[in-house]
Amino acid sequence: MWLYRHPDSPFFSDLGKTSNERLLGDEEMENCLKNTGFANVQVFAVSGISFGWVESAVGRRLLPIYNLIDRLLGKLPIASRYGSFLICSGEK
């Protein structure tokens, strides 16, 4: 979603974006959990979760292409490191 949500992207859209929404990397997410008292923190990325709708009209037209690329990239070994979404777990 970097292309859609990062202000440096040519496809950036703030439509539907909340004031506290921001992109987090895996290391930042892991540090956030550890700094708030979680132990045994694990963070991994996943791909292949298709979007059905986004607020931006331009984004909606590009969704089929995005979803296809994300599904294809999700089949590569690097998907667990560079997938579209982060899954996090930890013990409190």
PDB file of N, CA and C in Angstrom:
ATOM      1  N   MET A   1       0.813  -1.208   0.000  1.00  0.00           N
ATOM      2  CA  MET A   1       0.000   0.000   0.000  1.00  0.00           C
ATOM      3  C   MET A   1       0.849   1.261   0.000  1.00  0.00           C
ATOM      4  N   TRP A   2       2.171   1.095  -0.044  1.00  0.00           N
ATOM      5  CA  TRP A   2       3.037   2.274  -0.094  1.00  0.00           C
ATOM      6  C   TRP A   2       2.613   3.189  -1.237  1.00  0.00           C
ATOM      7  N   LEU A   3       2.322   2.623  -2.401  1.00  0.00           N
ATOM      8  CA  LEU A   3       1.960   3.437  -3.558  1.00  0.00           C
ATOM      9  C   LEU A   3       0.718   4.280  -3.308  1.00  0.00           C
ATOM     10  N   TYR A   4      -0.163   3.795  -2.480  1.00  0.00           N
ATOM     11  CA  TYR A   4      -1.428   4.485  -2.242  1.00  0.00           C
ATOM     12  C   TYR A   4      -1.376   5.410  -1.027  1.00  0.00           C
ATOM     13  N   ARG A   5      -0.579   5.069  -0.026  1.00  0.00           N
ATOM     14  CA  ARG A   5      -0.618   5.810   1.228  1.00  0.00           C
ATOM     15  C   ARG A   5       0.626   6.625   1.574  1.00  0.00           C
ATOM     16  N   HIS A   6       1.732   6.421   0.885  1.00  0.00           N
ATOM     17  CA  HIS A   6       2.934   7.181   1.235  1.00  0.00           C
ATOM     18  C   HIS A   6       2.929   8.528   0.506  1.00  0.00           C
ATOM     19  N   PRO A   7       3.119   9.631   1.235  1.00  0.00           N
ATOM     20  CA  PRO A   7       3.061  10.964   0.619  1.00  0.00           C
ATOM     21  C   PRO A   7       4.062  11.176  -0.518  1.00  0.00           C
ATOM     22  N   ASP A   8       5.135  10.398  -0.566  1.00  0.00           N
ATOM     23  CA  ASP A   8       6.130  10.545  -1.632  1.00  0.00           C
ATOM     24  C   ASP A   8       5.743   9.817  -2.913  1.00  0.00           C
ATOM     25  N   SER A   9       4.678   9.034  -2.874  1.00  0.00           N
ATOM     26  CA  SER A   9       4.268   8.259  -4.044  1.00  0.00           C
ATOM     27  C   SER A   9       3.487   9.132  -5.026  1.00  0.00           C
ATOM     28  N   PRO A  10       3.678   8.904  -6.318  1.00  0.00           N
ATOM     29  CA  PRO A  10       2.882   9.651  -7.300  1.00  0.00           C
ATOM     30  C   PRO A  10       1.401   9.266  -7.275  1.00  0.00           C
ATOM     31  N   PHE A  11       1.060   8.131  -6.648  1.00  0.00           N
ATOM     32  CA  PHE A  11      -0.328   7.677  -6.559  1.00  0.00           C
ATOM     33  C   PHE A  11      -0.950   7.951  -5.188  1.00  0.00           C
ATOM     34  N   PHE A  12      -0.278   8.753  -4.376  1.00  0.00           N
ATOM     35  CA  PHE A  12      -0.744   9.016  -3.008  1.00  0.00           C
ATOM     36  C   PHE A  12      -2.166   9.585  -3.003  1.00  0.00           C
ATOM     37  N   SER A  13      -2.959   9.082  -2.076  1.00  0.00           N
ATOM     38  CA  SER A  13      -4.291   9.616  -1.844  1.00  0.00           C
ATOM     39  C   SER A  13      -4.529   9.648  -0.342  1.00  0.00           C
ATOM     40  N   ASP A  14      -5.028  10.779   0.143  1.00  0.00           N
ATOM     41  CA  ASP A  14      -5.378  10.848   1.558  1.00  0.00           C
ATOM     42  C   ASP A  14      -6.885  10.690   1.773  1.00  0.00           C
ATOM     43  N   LEU A  15      -7.613  10.359   0.694  1.00  0.00           N
ATOM     44  CA  LEU A  15      -9.050  10.122   0.822  1.00  0.00           C
ATOM     45  C   LEU A  15      -9.292   8.916   1.714  1.00  0.00           C
ATOM     46  N   GLY A  16     -10.105   9.087   2.728  1.00  0.00           N
ATOM     47  CA  GLY A  16     -10.430   8.000   3.638  1.00  0.00           C
ATOM     48  C   GLY A  16      -9.344   7.712   4.664  1.00  0.00           C
ATOM     49  N   LYS A  17      -8.269   8.495   4.664  1.00  0.00           N
ATOM     50  CA  LYS A  17      -7.145   8.290   5.589  1.00  0.00           C
ATOM     51  C   LYS A  17      -7.457   8.972   6.918  1.00  0.00           C
ATOM     52  N   THR A  18      -7.255   8.251   8.006  1.00  0.00           N
ATOM     53  CA  THR A  18      -7.475   8.844   9.318  1.00  0.00           C
ATOM     54  C   THR A  18      -6.241   9.646   9.731  1.00  0.00           C
ATOM     55  N   SER A  19      -6.404  10.541  10.683  1.00  0.00           N
ATOM     56  CA  SER A  19      -5.299  11.410  11.091  1.00  0.00           C
ATOM     57  C   SER A  19      -4.157  10.643  11.745  1.00  0.00           C
ATOM     58  N   ASN A  20      -4.430   9.474  12.306  1.00  0.00           N
ATOM     59  CA  ASN A  20      -3.374   8.711  12.977  1.00  0.00           C
ATOM     60  C   ASN A  20      -2.842   7.557  12.127  1.00  0.00           C
ATOM     61  N   GLU A  21      -3.258   7.455  10.889  1.00  0.00           N
ATOM     62  CA  GLU A  21      -2.802   6.372  10.018  1.00  0.00           C
ATOM     63  C   GLU A  21      -1.425   6.692   9.456  1.00  0.00           C
ATOM     64  N   ARG A  22      -0.522   5.709   9.552  1.00  0.00           N
ATOM     65  CA  ARG A  22       0.791   5.846   8.928  1.00  0.00           C
ATOM     66  C   ARG A  22       1.348   4.458   8.664  1.00  0.00           C
ATOM     67  N   LEU A  23       2.249   4.384   7.712  1.00  0.00           N
ATOM     68  CA  LEU A  23       2.856   3.107   7.349  1.00  0.00           C
ATOM     69  C   LEU A  23       3.931   2.740   8.362  1.00  0.00           C
ATOM     70  N   LEU A  24       3.967   1.476   8.758  1.00  0.00           N
ATOM     71  CA  LEU A  24       4.985   0.985   9.685  1.00  0.00           C
ATOM     72  C   LEU A  24       5.742  -0.160   9.030  1.00  0.00           C
ATOM     73  N   GLY A  25       7.043  -0.176   9.247  1.00  0.00           N
ATOM     74  CA  GLY A  25       7.855  -1.289   8.794  1.00  0.00           C
ATOM     75  C   GLY A  25       7.903  -2.371   9.857  1.00  0.00           C
ATOM     76  N   ASP A  26       8.437  -3.523   9.488  1.00  0.00           N
ATOM     77  CA  ASP A  26       8.461  -4.648  10.429  1.00  0.00           C
ATOM     78  C   ASP A  26       9.311  -4.364  11.661  1.00  0.00           C
ATOM     79  N   GLU A  27      10.457  -3.722  11.490  1.00  0.00           N
ATOM     80  CA  GLU A  27      11.304  -3.417  12.646  1.00  0.00           C
ATOM     81  C   GLU A  27      10.643  -2.405  13.578  1.00  0.00           C
ATOM     82  N   GLU A  28       9.990  -1.406  12.996  1.00  0.00           N
ATOM     83  CA  GLU A  28       9.300  -0.408  13.819  1.00  0.00           C
ATOM     84  C   GLU A  28       8.149  -1.052  14.592  1.00  0.00           C
ATOM     85  N   MET A  29       7.430  -1.941  13.940  1.00  0.00           N
ATOM     86  CA  MET A  29       6.319  -2.625  14.610  1.00  0.00           C
ATOM     87  C   MET A  29       6.833  -3.496  15.745  1.00  0.00           C
ATOM     88  N   GLU A  30       7.908  -4.238  15.489  1.00  0.00           N
ATOM     89  CA  GLU A  30       8.499  -5.085  16.520  1.00  0.00           C
ATOM     90  C   GLU A  30       8.957  -4.248  17.707  1.00  0.00           C
ATOM     91  N   ASN A  31       9.626  -3.127  17.444  1.00  0.00           N
ATOM     92  CA  ASN A  31      10.089  -2.243  18.524  1.00  0.00           C
ATOM     93  C   ASN A  31       8.926  -1.649  19.314  1.00  0.00           C
ATOM     94  N   CYS A  32       7.856  -1.272  18.630  1.00  0.00           N
ATOM     95  CA  CYS A  32       6.675  -0.724  19.321  1.00  0.00           C
ATOM     96  C   CYS A  32       6.118  -1.744  20.308  1.00  0.00           C
ATOM     97  N   LEU A  33       5.990  -2.985  19.874  1.00  0.00           N
ATOM     98  CA  LEU A  33       5.453  -4.016  20.754  1.00  0.00           C
ATOM     99  C   LEU A  33       6.392  -4.288  21.929  1.00  0.00           C
ATOM    100  N   LYS A  34       7.676  -4.392  21.650  1.00  0.00           N
ATOM    101  CA  LYS A  34       8.641  -4.650  22.717  1.00  0.00           C
ATOM    102  C   LYS A  34       8.687  -3.494  23.716  1.00  0.00           C
ATOM    103  N   ASN A  35       8.611  -2.262  23.220  1.00  0.00           N
ATOM    104  CA  ASN A  35       8.671  -1.081  24.095  1.00  0.00           C
ATOM    105  C   ASN A  35       7.424  -0.912  24.956  1.00  0.00           C
ATOM    106  N   THR A  36       6.353  -1.605  24.615  1.00  0.00           N
ATOM    107  CA  THR A  36       5.136  -1.533  25.430  1.00  0.00           C
ATOM    108  C   THR A  36       4.942  -2.796  26.268  1.00  0.00           C
ATOM    109  N   GLY A  37       6.023  -3.570  26.402  1.00  0.00           N
ATOM    110  CA  GLY A  37       6.009  -4.677  27.339  1.00  0.00           C
ATOM    111  C   GLY A  37       5.710  -6.049  26.776  1.00  0.00           C
ATOM    112  N   PHE A  38       5.626  -6.188  25.467  1.00  0.00           N
ATOM    113  CA  PHE A  38       5.379  -7.511  24.891  1.00  0.00           C
ATOM    114  C   PHE A  38       6.694  -8.286  24.783  1.00  0.00           C
ATOM    115  N   ALA A  39       6.616  -9.590  24.991  1.00  0.00           N
ATOM    116  CA  ALA A  39       7.773 -10.476  24.852  1.00  0.00           C
ATOM    117  C   ALA A  39       7.495 -11.474  23.735  1.00  0.00           C
ATOM    118  N   ASN A  40       8.516 -12.164  23.316  1.00  0.00           N
ATOM    119  CA  ASN A  40       8.389 -13.162  22.248  1.00  0.00           C
ATOM    120  C   ASN A  40       7.654 -12.591  21.028  1.00  0.00           C
ATOM    121  N   VAL A  41       8.058 -11.404  20.638  1.00  0.00           N
ATOM    122  CA  VAL A  41       7.408 -10.700  19.532  1.00  0.00           C
ATOM    123  C   VAL A  41       7.821 -11.324  18.195  1.00  0.00           C
ATOM    124  N   GLN A  42       6.850 -11.548  17.360  1.00  0.00           N
ATOM    125  CA  GLN A  42       7.081 -12.032  16.008  1.00  0.00           C
ATOM    126  C   GLN A  42       6.317 -11.139  15.036  1.00  0.00           C
ATOM    127  N   VAL A  43       6.987 -10.776  13.963  1.00  0.00           N
ATOM    128  CA  VAL A  43       6.363  -9.961  12.925  1.00  0.00           C
ATOM    129  C   VAL A  43       6.698 -10.598  11.579  1.00  0.00           C
ATOM    130  N   PHE A  44       5.681 -10.846  10.782  1.00  0.00           N
ATOM    131  CA  PHE A  44       5.943 -11.335   9.435  1.00  0.00           C
ATOM    132  C   PHE A  44       4.925 -10.721   8.487  1.00  0.00           C
ATOM    133  N   ALA A  45       5.285 -10.707   7.228  1.00  0.00           N
ATOM    134  CA  ALA A  45       4.450 -10.073   6.219  1.00  0.00           C
ATOM    135  C   ALA A  45       3.664 -11.124   5.445  1.00  0.00           C
ATOM    136  N   VAL A  46       2.514 -10.722   4.944  1.00  0.00           N
ATOM    137  CA  VAL A  46       1.702 -11.583   4.084  1.00  0.00           C
ATOM    138  C   VAL A  46       1.262 -10.786   2.857  1.00  0.00           C
ATOM    139  N   SER A  47       1.013 -11.488   1.806  1.00  0.00           N
ATOM    140  CA  SER A  47       0.483 -10.903   0.574  1.00  0.00           C
ATOM    141  C   SER A  47      -0.712 -11.729   0.133  1.00  0.00           C
ATOM    142  N   GLY A  48      -1.339 -11.292  -0.932  1.00  0.00           N
ATOM    143  CA  GLY A  48      -2.457 -12.043  -1.486  1.00  0.00           C
ATOM    144  C   GLY A  48      -3.797 -11.713  -0.864  1.00  0.00           C
ATOM    145  N   ILE A  49      -3.860 -10.644  -0.096  1.00  0.00           N
ATOM    146  CA  ILE A  49      -5.129 -10.201   0.475  1.00  0.00           C
ATOM    147  C   ILE A  49      -5.662  -9.098  -0.441  1.00  0.00           C
ATOM    148  N   SER A  50      -6.616  -9.433  -1.261  1.00  0.00           N
ATOM    149  CA  SER A  50      -7.107  -8.502  -2.269  1.00  0.00           C
ATOM    150  C   SER A  50      -7.959  -7.397  -1.654  1.00  0.00           C
ATOM    151  N   PHE A  51      -7.817  -6.235  -2.202  1.00  0.00           N
ATOM    152  CA  PHE A  51      -8.665  -5.112  -1.840  1.00  0.00           C
ATOM    153  C   PHE A  51      -9.872  -5.099  -2.758  1.00  0.00           C
ATOM    154  N   GLY A  52     -11.032  -4.842  -2.206  1.00  0.00           N
ATOM    155  CA  GLY A  52     -12.241  -4.745  -3.007  1.00  0.00           C
ATOM    156  C   GLY A  52     -12.627  -3.309  -3.320  1.00  0.00           C
ATOM    157  N   TRP A  53     -12.137  -2.379  -2.499  1.00  0.00           N
ATOM    158  CA  TRP A  53     -12.554  -0.982  -2.672  1.00  0.00           C
ATOM    159  C   TRP A  53     -11.601  -0.078  -1.912  1.00  0.00           C
ATOM    160  N   VAL A  54     -11.292   1.059  -2.490  1.00  0.00           N
ATOM    161  CA  VAL A  54     -10.578   2.146  -1.805  1.00  0.00           C
ATOM    162  C   VAL A  54     -11.307   3.443  -2.120  1.00  0.00           C
ATOM    163  N   GLU A  55     -11.086   4.450  -1.309  1.00  0.00           N
ATOM    164  CA  GLU A  55     -11.813   5.715  -1.435  1.00  0.00           C
ATOM    165  C   GLU A  55     -11.518   6.442  -2.754  1.00  0.00           C
ATOM    166  N   SER A  56     -10.281   6.423  -3.179  1.00  0.00           N
ATOM    167  CA  SER A  56      -9.861   7.165  -4.373  1.00  0.00           C
ATOM    168  C   SER A  56     -10.395   6.513  -5.648  1.00  0.00           C
ATOM    169  N   ALA A  57     -10.967   7.322  -6.546  1.00  0.00           N
ATOM    170  CA  ALA A  57     -11.471   6.806  -7.821  1.00  0.00           C
ATOM    171  C   ALA A  57     -10.327   6.257  -8.674  1.00  0.00           C
ATOM    172  N   VAL A  58      -9.194   6.938  -8.677  1.00  0.00           N
ATOM    173  CA  VAL A  58      -8.024   6.459  -9.421  1.00  0.00           C
ATOM    174  C   VAL A  58      -7.541   5.141  -8.813  1.00  0.00           C
ATOM    175  N   GLY A  59      -7.488   5.086  -7.491  1.00  0.00           N
ATOM    176  CA  GLY A  59      -7.080   3.863  -6.810  1.00  0.00           C
ATOM    177  C   GLY A  59      -7.993   2.695  -7.140  1.00  0.00           C
ATOM    178  N   ARG A  60      -9.292   2.942  -7.213  1.00  0.00           N
ATOM    179  CA  ARG A  60     -10.238   1.865  -7.540  1.00  0.00           C
ATOM    180  C   ARG A  60      -9.991   1.317  -8.940  1.00  0.00           C
ATOM    181  N   ARG A  61      -9.645   2.193  -9.871  1.00  0.00           N
ATOM    182  CA  ARG A  61      -9.365   1.730 -11.239  1.00  0.00           C
ATOM    183  C   ARG A  61      -8.087   0.894 -11.289  1.00  0.00           C
ATOM    184  N   LEU A  62      -7.149   1.164 -10.400  1.00  0.00           N
ATOM    185  CA  LEU A  62      -5.877   0.436 -10.389  1.00  0.00           C
ATOM    186  C   LEU A  62      -5.912  -0.821  -9.522  1.00  0.00           C
ATOM    187  N   LEU A  63      -6.971  -1.011  -8.743  1.00  0.00           N
ATOM    188  CA  LEU A  63      -7.032  -2.155  -7.834  1.00  0.00           C
ATOM    189  C   LEU A  63      -6.854  -3.518  -8.503  1.00  0.00           C
ATOM    190  N   PRO A  64      -7.460  -3.783  -9.643  1.00  0.00           N
ATOM    191  CA  PRO A  64      -7.241  -5.103 -10.256  1.00  0.00           C
ATOM    192  C   PRO A  64      -5.760  -5.375 -10.543  1.00  0.00           C
ATOM    193  N   ILE A  65      -5.044  -4.353 -10.986  1.00  0.00           N
ATOM    194  CA  ILE A  65      -3.613  -4.519 -11.258  1.00  0.00           C
ATOM    195  C   ILE A  65      -2.863  -4.740  -9.951  1.00  0.00           C
ATOM    196  N   TYR A  66      -3.164  -3.926  -8.954  1.00  0.00           N
ATOM    197  CA  TYR A  66      -2.519  -4.080  -7.645  1.00  0.00           C
ATOM    198  C   TYR A  66      -2.767  -5.473  -7.075  1.00  0.00           C
ATOM    199  N   ASN A  67      -4.023  -5.922  -7.094  1.00  0.00           N
ATOM    200  CA  ASN A  67      -4.372  -7.225  -6.535  1.00  0.00           C
ATOM    201  C   ASN A  67      -3.653  -8.359  -7.265  1.00  0.00           C
ATOM    202  N   LEU A  68      -3.541  -8.260  -8.576  1.00  0.00           N
ATOM    203  CA  LEU A  68      -2.840  -9.288  -9.346  1.00  0.00           C
ATOM    204  C   LEU A  68      -1.358  -9.332  -8.973  1.00  0.00           C
ATOM    205  N   ILE A  69      -0.715  -8.182  -8.948  1.00  0.00           N
ATOM    206  CA  ILE A  69       0.705  -8.119  -8.601  1.00  0.00           C
ATOM    207  C   ILE A  69       0.924  -8.631  -7.185  1.00  0.00           C
ATOM    208  N   ASP A  70       0.057  -8.245  -6.261  1.00  0.00           N
ATOM    209  CA  ASP A  70       0.202  -8.686  -4.877  1.00  0.00           C
ATOM    210  C   ASP A  70       0.046 -10.202  -4.758  1.00  0.00           C
ATOM    211  N   ARG A  71      -0.896 -10.779  -5.482  1.00  0.00           N
ATOM    212  CA  ARG A  71      -1.061 -12.242  -5.470  1.00  0.00           C
ATOM    213  C   ARG A  71       0.178 -12.935  -6.031  1.00  0.00           C
ATOM    214  N   LEU A  72       0.718 -12.402  -7.125  1.00  0.00           N
ATOM    215  CA  LEU A  72       1.908 -13.005  -7.732  1.00  0.00           C
ATOM    216  C   LEU A  72       3.126 -12.883  -6.811  1.00  0.00           C
ATOM    217  N   LEU A  73       3.317 -11.712  -6.230  1.00  0.00           N
ATOM    218  CA  LEU A  73       4.445 -11.526  -5.313  1.00  0.00           C
ATOM    219  C   LEU A  73       4.297 -12.383  -4.068  1.00  0.00           C
ATOM    220  N   GLY A  74       3.061 -12.648  -3.671  1.00  0.00           N
ATOM    221  CA  GLY A  74       2.808 -13.472  -2.497  1.00  0.00           C
ATOM    222  C   GLY A  74       3.259 -14.906  -2.657  1.00  0.00           C
ATOM    223  N   LYS A  75       3.500 -15.326  -3.874  1.00  0.00           N
ATOM    224  CA  LYS A  75       3.954 -16.691  -4.128  1.00  0.00           C
ATOM    225  C   LYS A  75       5.482 -16.813  -4.082  1.00  0.00           C
ATOM    226  N   LEU A  76       6.178 -15.689  -3.996  1.00  0.00           N
ATOM    227  CA  LEU A  76       7.641 -15.705  -3.966  1.00  0.00           C
ATOM    228  C   LEU A  76       8.152 -15.878  -2.537  1.00  0.00           C
ATOM    229  N   PRO A  77       9.350 -16.427  -2.381  1.00  0.00           N
ATOM    230  CA  PRO A  77       9.917 -16.611  -1.036  1.00  0.00           C
ATOM    231  C   PRO A  77      10.090 -15.302  -0.249  1.00  0.00           C
ATOM    232  N   ILE A  78      10.249 -14.197  -0.937  1.00  0.00           N
ATOM    233  CA  ILE A  78      10.445 -12.919  -0.238  1.00  0.00           C
ATOM    234  C   ILE A  78       9.157 -12.360   0.349  1.00  0.00           C
ATOM    235  N   ALA A  79       8.027 -12.991   0.075  1.00  0.00           N
ATOM    236  CA  ALA A  79       6.735 -12.470   0.534  1.00  0.00           C
ATOM    237  C   ALA A  79       6.652 -12.368   2.053  1.00  0.00           C
ATOM    238  N   SER A  80       7.308 -13.287   2.769  1.00  0.00           N
ATOM    239  CA  SER A  80       7.240 -13.224   4.235  1.00  0.00           C
ATOM    240  C   SER A  80       8.034 -12.047   4.787  1.00  0.00           C
ATOM    241  N   ARG A  81       8.875 -11.454   3.978  1.00  0.00           N
ATOM    242  CA  ARG A  81       9.654 -10.281   4.412  1.00  0.00           C
ATOM    243  C   ARG A  81       9.074  -8.984   3.847  1.00  0.00           C
ATOM    244  N   TYR A  82       8.532  -9.039   2.629  1.00  0.00           N
ATOM    245  CA  TYR A  82       8.102  -7.825   1.946  1.00  0.00           C
ATOM    246  C   TYR A  82       6.640  -7.851   1.519  1.00  0.00           C
ATOM    247  N   GLY A  83       5.802  -8.585   2.217  1.00  0.00           N
ATOM    248  CA  GLY A  83       4.388  -8.637   1.876  1.00  0.00           C
ATOM    249  C   GLY A  83       3.685  -7.323   2.166  1.00  0.00           C
ATOM    250  N   SER A  84       2.443  -7.244   1.766  1.00  0.00           N
ATOM    251  CA  SER A  84       1.671  -6.006   1.884  1.00  0.00           C
ATOM    252  C   SER A  84       1.196  -5.697   3.296  1.00  0.00           C
ATOM    253  N   PHE A  85       0.981  -6.731   4.098  1.00  0.00           N
ATOM    254  CA  PHE A  85       0.448  -6.539   5.442  1.00  0.00           C
ATOM    255  C   PHE A  85       1.351  -7.205   6.462  1.00  0.00           C
ATOM    256  N   LEU A  86       1.443  -6.598   7.643  1.00  0.00           N
ATOM    257  CA  LEU A  86       2.224  -7.174   8.719  1.00  0.00           C
ATOM    258  C   LEU A  86       1.306  -7.887   9.703  1.00  0.00           C
ATOM    259  N   ILE A  87       1.700  -9.093  10.073  1.00  0.00           N
ATOM    260  CA  ILE A  87       1.005  -9.844  11.113  1.00  0.00           C
ATOM    261  C   ILE A  87       1.952  -9.876  12.301  1.00  0.00           C
ATOM    262  N   CYS A  88       1.449  -9.490  13.465  1.00  0.00           N
ATOM    263  CA  CYS A  88       2.288  -9.380  14.651  1.00  0.00           C
ATOM    264  C   CYS A  88       1.686 -10.199  15.790  1.00  0.00           C
ATOM    265  N   SER A  89       2.581 -10.747  16.606  1.00  0.00           N
ATOM    266  CA  SER A  89       2.117 -11.429  17.814  1.00  0.00           C
ATOM    267  C   SER A  89       3.148 -11.231  18.904  1.00  0.00           C
ATOM    268  N   GLY A  90       2.686 -11.354  20.130  1.00  0.00           N
ATOM    269  CA  GLY A  90       3.572 -11.229  21.272  1.00  0.00           C
ATOM    270  C   GLY A  90       2.831 -11.666  22.531  1.00  0.00           C
ATOM    271  N   GLU A  91       3.597 -11.836  23.596  1.00  0.00           N
ATOM    272  CA  GLU A  91       3.024 -12.234  24.871  1.00  0.00           C
ATOM    273  C   GLU A  91       3.124 -11.071  25.838  1.00  0.00           C
ATOM    274  N   LYS A  92       2.097 -10.846  26.595  1.00  0.00           N
ATOM    275  CA  LYS A  92       2.085  -9.773  27.582  1.00  0.00           C
ATOM    276  C   LYS A  92       2.081 -10.371  28.970  1.00  0.00           C
TER     277      LYS A  92
END
